[in-house]
Amino acid sequence: MSHPTQRVVVMGASHKPERYSNQAIRLLREHGHQVVPVHPRLDTVEGLPVAHHLREIDGKVDTLTLYVGPAISSTAAEAIVRLNPRRVIFNPGSENPELEARLDQAGIDYEQACTLVLLRTGQF
């Protein structure tokens, strides 16, 4: 079962191959998705240009996948709501009840899941 190509923003992107966010970027691309990595200090990840802040991203976003802890995602809550992704994925370790409540208010879907598992099991 093939899914349509999505535009996926990866918040907490890493240039280190062993990091889950880096593995997700590679696997998303293998599955044909358009990936926008976000990290405040990196310029490229896996050959892709990196947005330093969510506010730099224009256009439709299908999925925002979080690889940052609640201290960072809470600070970015308003930018996440402005980005208005179709859904937000809280990867293990990124759970944030405060942000979930804000997404509920904004009518943005979210799930606590692992992007890598979703991709590998055809559920992304």
Protein backbone atom coordinates (compact mmCIF):
# COMPACT_ATOMS: atom_id res chain seq x y z
CA MET A 1 0.00 0.00 0.00
CA SER A 2 1.67 3.22 -1.07
CA HIS A 3 0.92 6.52 0.57
CA PRO A 4 1.05 9.89 -1.15
CA THR A 5 4.19 11.93 -0.76
CA GLN A 6 4.13 14.11 2.31
CA ARG A 7 6.03 17.24 3.27
CA VAL A 8 7.52 16.36 6.64
CA VAL A 9 9.22 18.78 9.02
CA VAL A 10 11.74 17.11 11.37
CA MET A 11 12.24 19.26 14.46
CA GLY A 12 15.44 18.31 16.26
CA ALA A 13 17.25 17.16 13.12
CA SER A 14 20.74 15.75 13.67
CA HIS A 15 23.71 15.27 11.37
CA LYS A 16 24.83 12.28 13.48
CA PRO A 17 23.82 9.03 11.70
CA GLU A 18 23.19 7.16 14.97
CA ARG A 19 20.53 9.66 16.12
CA TYR A 20 16.90 8.68 15.57
CA SER A 21 16.08 12.02 13.97
CA ASN A 22 18.80 11.43 11.36
CA GLN A 23 17.55 7.89 10.74
CA ALA A 24 14.04 9.28 10.30
CA ILE A 25 15.25 11.83 7.72
CA ARG A 26 16.94 9.08 5.72
CA LEU A 27 13.97 6.69 5.96
CA LEU A 28 11.45 9.43 5.08
CA ARG A 29 13.48 10.21 1.95
CA GLU A 30 13.71 6.50 1.05
CA HIS A 31 9.90 6.47 1.21
CA GLY A 32 9.79 9.42 -1.18
CA HIS A 33 8.74 12.13 1.26
CA GLN A 34 9.91 15.74 1.07
CA VAL A 35 11.87 16.47 4.25
CA VAL A 36 12.52 19.82 5.92
CA PRO A 37 15.03 19.41 8.78
CA VAL A 38 14.93 22.00 11.58
CA HIS A 39 17.89 22.74 13.87
CA PRO A 40 19.07 26.12 15.20
CA ARG A 41 22.77 25.63 14.45
CA LEU A 42 23.12 23.21 11.52
CA ASP A 43 23.08 24.33 7.88
CA THR A 44 22.71 20.96 6.16
CA VAL A 45 21.64 17.46 7.21
CA GLU A 46 21.94 14.54 4.80
CA GLY A 47 22.51 17.07 2.00
CA LEU A 48 19.28 18.94 2.77
CA PRO A 49 19.14 22.63 3.69
CA VAL A 50 18.16 23.10 7.33
CA ALA A 51 15.61 25.64 8.58
CA HIS A 52 16.95 27.26 11.74
CA HIS A 53 13.45 27.99 13.07
CA LEU A 54 9.93 26.81 12.27
CA ARG A 55 8.94 30.36 11.27
CA GLU A 56 11.26 30.05 8.23
CA ILE A 57 9.02 27.33 6.76
CA ASP A 58 6.31 28.38 4.31
CA GLY A 59 3.58 26.37 2.70
CA LYS A 60 1.66 23.23 3.56
CA VAL A 61 3.12 20.81 6.10
CA ASP A 62 1.62 17.33 6.29
CA THR A 63 3.54 16.07 9.32
CA LEU A 64 5.70 17.67 11.98
CA THR A 65 7.74 14.99 13.73
CA LEU A 66 9.31 16.01 17.04
CA TYR A 67 12.74 14.89 18.25
CA VAL A 68 13.06 17.55 20.95
CA GLY A 69 12.14 17.51 24.61
CA PRO A 70 9.23 19.42 26.14
CA ALA A 71 11.44 22.35 27.20
CA ILE A 72 12.11 23.10 23.52
CA SER A 73 8.72 22.16 22.06
CA SER A 74 6.81 24.24 24.65
CA THR A 75 8.87 27.28 23.66
CA ALA A 76 7.98 26.57 20.02
CA ALA A 77 4.26 25.97 20.67
CA GLU A 78 3.04 29.16 18.98
CA ALA A 79 5.31 28.57 15.97
CA ILE A 80 3.98 25.00 15.73
CA VAL A 81 0.38 26.24 15.76
CA ARG A 82 1.24 28.87 13.10
CA LEU A 83 2.88 26.16 10.98
CA ASN A 84 -0.48 24.34 11.17
CA PRO A 85 0.72 20.84 10.25
CA ARG A 86 -1.94 18.24 9.41
CA ARG A 87 -0.53 16.20 12.31
CA VAL A 88 2.26 16.20 14.88
CA ILE A 89 4.13 13.05 15.89
CA PHE A 90 5.59 12.97 19.40
CA ASN A 91 8.45 10.47 19.14
CA PRO A 92 9.50 8.61 22.31
CA GLY A 93 11.03 11.12 24.72
CA SER A 94 9.31 14.13 23.15
CA GLU A 95 5.96 13.73 24.92
CA ASN A 96 4.57 17.08 26.06
CA PRO A 97 1.08 17.32 27.65
CA GLU A 98 1.24 21.15 27.60
CA LEU A 99 1.84 21.19 23.84
CA GLU A 100 -0.81 18.49 23.31
CA ALA A 101 -3.35 20.72 25.06
CA ARG A 102 -2.34 23.63 22.81
CA LEU A 103 -2.71 21.42 19.70
CA ASP A 104 -6.16 20.32 20.92
CA GLN A 105 -7.17 24.00 21.20
CA ALA A 106 -5.88 24.65 17.66
CA GLY A 107 -7.58 21.56 16.22
CA ILE A 108 -4.28 19.97 15.15
CA ASP A 109 -4.11 16.17 15.25
CA TYR A 110 -1.23 14.49 17.04
CA GLU A 111 -0.09 11.07 18.08
CA GLN A 112 2.52 9.58 20.36
CA ALA A 113 4.37 7.23 18.04
CA CYS A 114 7.74 6.46 16.54
CA THR A 115 8.21 7.83 13.02
CA LEU A 116 10.65 5.01 12.21
CA VAL A 117 8.16 2.33 13.25
CA LEU A 118 5.29 4.03 11.40
CA LEU A 119 7.39 4.12 8.21
CA ARG A 120 8.63 0.54 8.54
CA THR A 121 5.11 -0.81 9.14
CA GLY A 122 3.39 1.17 6.38
CA GLN A 123 1.38 3.27 8.84
CA PHE A 124 2.99 6.64 8.15
